[in-house]
Amino acid sequence: IGAATWQGAGVNGLLFGIGLQSIPKEPIEAARVDGASGWTLFRTMTWPLLTPLTTVVVGLAIVGSLKQFDIIWAMTKGGPGTSSETLALTMYKETFVSNDYGLGAAVAVFLTVVTVAASVLYLRRQLGDPKGA
């Protein structure tokens, strides 16, 4: 968890930095004139304006966690046993270690379906379904 957090911190920090720069100055200045400062300014103005960006960052994190491979392979190779094995690691092992290309392809298709379904469910919940489903 620590290694994955460290790996994603740069991209997430960059995205939030860009998001903070894109916040219009007028609402923040109006809140300051009304007496807001510090935590109140962040909680009532800055954070709500970053909500769409936060939705994107969390969605990317969910998709990234579903296809996590590199850190797990480098640290444990899915072990001990298969206790830290993910779908991406199973796909790799079945395809390239066991030379079972059919099972590896099936796991890849399943991983794709799960990732797309998780993304759609998350985005519908966060952004609201325009179709009303």
C-alpha atoms as a PDB file:
ATOM      1  CA  ILE A   1       0.000   0.000   0.000  1.00  0.00           C
ATOM      2  CA  GLY A   2       2.830   2.362   0.863  1.00  0.00           C
ATOM      3  CA  ALA A   3       4.664   1.733  -2.400  1.00  0.00           C
ATOM      4  CA  ALA A   4       1.509   2.171  -4.477  1.00  0.00           C
ATOM      5  CA  THR A   5       0.663   5.374  -2.608  1.00  0.00           C
ATOM      6  CA  TRP A   6       4.159   6.706  -3.219  1.00  0.00           C
ATOM      7  CA  GLN A   7       3.936   5.746  -6.889  1.00  0.00           C
ATOM      8  CA  GLY A   8       0.647   7.594  -7.413  1.00  0.00           C
ATOM      9  CA  ALA A   9       1.422  10.641  -5.251  1.00  0.00           C
ATOM     10  CA  GLY A  10       3.212  12.514  -8.037  1.00  0.00           C
ATOM     11  CA  VAL A  11       0.413  12.284 -10.588  1.00  0.00           C
ATOM     12  CA  ASN A  12      -2.271  13.029  -8.017  1.00  0.00           C
ATOM     13  CA  GLY A  13      -0.282  15.977  -6.659  1.00  0.00           C
ATOM     14  CA  LEU A  14       0.161  17.312 -10.184  1.00  0.00           C
ATOM     15  CA  LEU A  15      -3.549  16.960 -10.944  1.00  0.00           C
ATOM     16  CA  PHE A  16      -4.568  18.707  -7.727  1.00  0.00           C
ATOM     17  CA  GLY A  17      -1.978  21.431  -8.341  1.00  0.00           C
ATOM     18  CA  ILE A  18      -3.492  22.091 -11.747  1.00  0.00           C
ATOM     19  CA  GLY A  19      -6.967  21.972 -10.213  1.00  0.00           C
ATOM     20  CA  LEU A  20      -6.024  24.549  -7.585  1.00  0.00           C
ATOM     21  CA  GLN A  21      -4.635  26.845 -10.263  1.00  0.00           C
ATOM     22  CA  SER A  22      -7.823  26.563 -12.296  1.00  0.00           C
ATOM     23  CA  ILE A  23     -10.097  27.729  -9.453  1.00  0.00           C
ATOM     24  CA  PRO A  24     -11.472  31.176 -10.285  1.00  0.00           C
ATOM     25  CA  LYS A  25     -10.192  33.898  -7.960  1.00  0.00           C
ATOM     26  CA  GLU A  26     -13.470  35.843  -7.709  1.00  0.00           C
ATOM     27  CA  PRO A  27     -15.420  33.369  -5.491  1.00  0.00           C
ATOM     28  CA  ILE A  28     -12.414  32.982  -3.171  1.00  0.00           C
ATOM     29  CA  GLU A  29     -12.019  36.769  -2.885  1.00  0.00           C
ATOM     30  CA  ALA A  30     -15.757  37.148  -2.242  1.00  0.00           C
ATOM     31  CA  ALA A  31     -15.565  34.554   0.547  1.00  0.00           C
ATOM     32  CA  ARG A  32     -12.590  36.396   2.077  1.00  0.00           C
ATOM     33  CA  VAL A  33     -14.542  39.669   1.990  1.00  0.00           C
ATOM     34  CA  ASP A  34     -17.379  37.874   3.782  1.00  0.00           C
ATOM     35  CA  GLY A  35     -14.926  36.864   6.530  1.00  0.00           C
ATOM     36  CA  ALA A  36     -13.948  33.322   5.569  1.00  0.00           C
ATOM     37  CA  SER A  37     -10.337  32.305   6.113  1.00  0.00           C
ATOM     38  CA  GLY A  38      -8.200  29.217   6.657  1.00  0.00           C
ATOM     39  CA  TRP A  39     -10.117  25.997   7.167  1.00  0.00           C
ATOM     40  CA  THR A  40     -13.516  27.603   6.546  1.00  0.00           C
ATOM     41  CA  LEU A  41     -12.359  28.978   3.201  1.00  0.00           C
ATOM     42  CA  PHE A  42     -10.993  25.581   2.190  1.00  0.00           C
ATOM     43  CA  ARG A  43     -14.034  23.627   3.419  1.00  0.00           C
ATOM     44  CA  THR A  44     -16.712  25.892   1.951  1.00  0.00           C
ATOM     45  CA  MET A  45     -15.075  27.171  -1.240  1.00  0.00           C
ATOM     46  CA  THR A  46     -11.917  25.387  -2.371  1.00  0.00           C
ATOM     47  CA  TRP A  47     -12.910  21.761  -1.743  1.00  0.00           C
ATOM     48  CA  PRO A  48     -16.340  22.017  -3.439  1.00  0.00           C
ATOM     49  CA  LEU A  49     -14.677  23.591  -6.486  1.00  0.00           C
ATOM     50  CA  LEU A  50     -12.241  20.637  -6.605  1.00  0.00           C
ATOM     51  CA  THR A  51     -15.017  17.999  -6.434  1.00  0.00           C
ATOM     52  CA  PRO A  52     -15.026  17.193 -10.195  1.00  0.00           C
ATOM     53  CA  LEU A  53     -11.248  16.762 -10.142  1.00  0.00           C
ATOM     54  CA  THR A  54     -11.467  14.603  -7.036  1.00  0.00           C
ATOM     55  CA  THR A  55     -13.968  12.386  -8.855  1.00  0.00           C
ATOM     56  CA  VAL A  56     -11.500  11.915 -11.700  1.00  0.00           C
ATOM     57  CA  VAL A  57      -8.558  11.217  -9.370  1.00  0.00           C
ATOM     58  CA  VAL A  58     -10.479   8.623  -7.343  1.00  0.00           C
ATOM     59  CA  GLY A  59     -11.758   6.995 -10.556  1.00  0.00           C
ATOM     60  CA  LEU A  60      -8.215   6.736 -11.902  1.00  0.00           C
ATOM     61  CA  ALA A  61      -7.090   5.250  -8.581  1.00  0.00           C
ATOM     62  CA  ILE A  62      -9.823   2.601  -8.696  1.00  0.00           C
ATOM     63  CA  VAL A  63      -8.933   1.616 -12.255  1.00  0.00           C
ATOM     64  CA  GLY A  64      -5.227   1.608 -11.398  1.00  0.00           C
ATOM     65  CA  SER A  65      -5.749  -0.595  -8.365  1.00  0.00           C
ATOM     66  CA  LEU A  66      -7.706  -3.129 -10.419  1.00  0.00           C
ATOM     67  CA  LYS A  67      -4.814  -3.543 -12.849  1.00  0.00           C
ATOM     68  CA  GLN A  68      -2.004  -3.328 -10.303  1.00  0.00           C
ATOM     69  CA  PHE A  69       0.910  -5.469 -11.449  1.00  0.00           C
ATOM     70  CA  ASP A  70       4.390  -3.935 -11.276  1.00  0.00           C
ATOM     71  CA  ILE A  71       4.753  -3.339  -7.540  1.00  0.00           C
ATOM     72  CA  ILE A  72       3.318  -6.715  -6.599  1.00  0.00           C
ATOM     73  CA  TRP A  73       5.493  -8.543  -9.121  1.00  0.00           C
ATOM     74  CA  ALA A  74       8.647  -6.742  -8.000  1.00  0.00           C
ATOM     75  CA  MET A  75       7.999  -7.228  -4.282  1.00  0.00           C
ATOM     76  CA  THR A  76       6.318 -10.609  -3.857  1.00  0.00           C
ATOM     77  CA  LYS A  77       5.611 -12.207  -7.273  1.00  0.00           C
ATOM     78  CA  GLY A  78       2.087 -12.806  -5.922  1.00  0.00           C
ATOM     79  CA  GLY A  79       3.188 -14.670  -2.825  1.00  0.00           C
ATOM     80  CA  PRO A  80       3.370 -16.114  -0.341  1.00  0.00           C
ATOM     81  CA  GLY A  81       1.461 -18.666  -2.332  1.00  0.00           C
ATOM     82  CA  THR A  82      -1.131 -16.602  -4.143  1.00  0.00           C
ATOM     83  CA  SER A  83      -2.100 -14.337  -1.236  1.00  0.00           C
ATOM     84  CA  SER A  84      -1.155 -11.074  -2.972  1.00  0.00           C
ATOM     85  CA  GLU A  85      -2.032 -12.109  -6.516  1.00  0.00           C
ATOM     86  CA  THR A  86      -4.236  -9.745  -8.535  1.00  0.00           C
ATOM     87  CA  LEU A  87      -6.054 -10.354 -11.808  1.00  0.00           C
ATOM     88  CA  ALA A  88      -3.271  -8.645 -13.744  1.00  0.00           C
ATOM     89  CA  LEU A  89      -0.681 -10.858 -12.071  1.00  0.00           C
ATOM     90  CA  THR A  90      -2.778 -13.972 -12.741  1.00  0.00           C
ATOM     91  CA  MET A  91      -3.046 -12.940 -16.391  1.00  0.00           C
ATOM     92  CA  TYR A  92       0.727 -12.567 -16.652  1.00  0.00           C
ATOM     93  CA  LYS A  93       1.504 -15.843 -14.848  1.00  0.00           C
ATOM     94  CA  GLU A  94      -0.961 -17.878 -16.887  1.00  0.00           C
ATOM     95  CA  THR A  95       0.140 -16.369 -20.192  1.00  0.00           C
ATOM     96  CA  PHE A  96       3.913 -16.092 -19.884  1.00  0.00           C
ATOM     97  CA  VAL A  97       4.935 -18.403 -17.037  1.00  0.00           C
ATOM     98  CA  SER A  98       2.528 -21.306 -17.621  1.00  0.00           C
ATOM     99  CA  ASN A  99       2.228 -20.714 -21.408  1.00  0.00           C
ATOM    100  CA  ASP A 100      -1.551 -21.065 -21.157  1.00  0.00           C
ATOM    101  CA  TYR A 101      -2.451 -18.310 -23.604  1.00  0.00           C
ATOM    102  CA  GLY A 102      -6.177 -19.093 -23.668  1.00  0.00           C
ATOM    103  CA  LEU A 103      -6.587 -18.769 -19.903  1.00  0.00           C
ATOM    104  CA  GLY A 104      -4.388 -15.661 -19.889  1.00  0.00           C
ATOM    105  CA  ALA A 105      -6.567 -14.082 -22.590  1.00  0.00           C
ATOM    106  CA  ALA A 106      -9.733 -15.026 -20.688  1.00  0.00           C
ATOM    107  CA  VAL A 107      -8.399 -13.378 -17.532  1.00  0.00           C
ATOM    108  CA  ALA A 108      -7.477 -10.280 -19.597  1.00  0.00           C
ATOM    109  CA  VAL A 109     -11.007 -10.034 -21.003  1.00  0.00           C
ATOM    110  CA  PHE A 110     -12.499 -10.530 -17.529  1.00  0.00           C
ATOM    111  CA  LEU A 111     -10.177  -7.853 -16.105  1.00  0.00           C
ATOM    112  CA  THR A 112     -11.255  -5.465 -18.854  1.00  0.00           C
ATOM    113  CA  VAL A 113     -14.949  -6.100 -18.162  1.00  0.00           C
ATOM    114  CA  VAL A 114     -14.488  -5.637 -14.406  1.00  0.00           C
ATOM    115  CA  THR A 115     -12.494  -2.425 -14.905  1.00  0.00           C
ATOM    116  CA  VAL A 116     -15.054  -0.924 -17.298  1.00  0.00           C
ATOM    117  CA  ALA A 117     -17.951  -1.939 -15.025  1.00  0.00           C
ATOM    118  CA  ALA A 118     -16.276  -0.456 -11.940  1.00  0.00           C
ATOM    119  CA  SER A 119     -15.528   2.760 -13.822  1.00  0.00           C
ATOM    120  CA  VAL A 120     -19.077   3.114 -15.138  1.00  0.00           C
ATOM    121  CA  LEU A 121     -20.631   2.389 -11.736  1.00  0.00           C
ATOM    122  CA  TYR A 122     -18.324   4.827  -9.979  1.00  0.00           C
ATOM    123  CA  LEU A 123     -18.835   7.620 -12.493  1.00  0.00           C
ATOM    124  CA  ARG A 124     -22.608   7.153 -12.541  1.00  0.00           C
ATOM    125  CA  ARG A 125     -22.710   7.325  -8.767  1.00  0.00           C
ATOM    126  CA  GLN A 126     -20.458  10.377  -8.529  1.00  0.00           C
ATOM    127  CA  LEU A 127     -21.628  12.384 -11.526  1.00  0.00           C
ATOM    128  CA  GLY A 128     -25.212  11.218 -11.698  1.00  0.00           C
ATOM    129  CA  ASP A 129     -26.659   9.140 -14.505  1.00  0.00           C
ATOM    130  CA  PRO A 130     -27.997  11.446 -17.243  1.00  0.00           C
ATOM    131  CA  LYS A 131     -30.454   8.714 -18.309  1.00  0.00           C
ATOM    132  CA  GLY A 132     -31.945   8.467 -14.820  1.00  0.00           C
ATOM    133  CA  ALA A 133     -31.039   4.790 -14.331  1.00  0.00           C
END
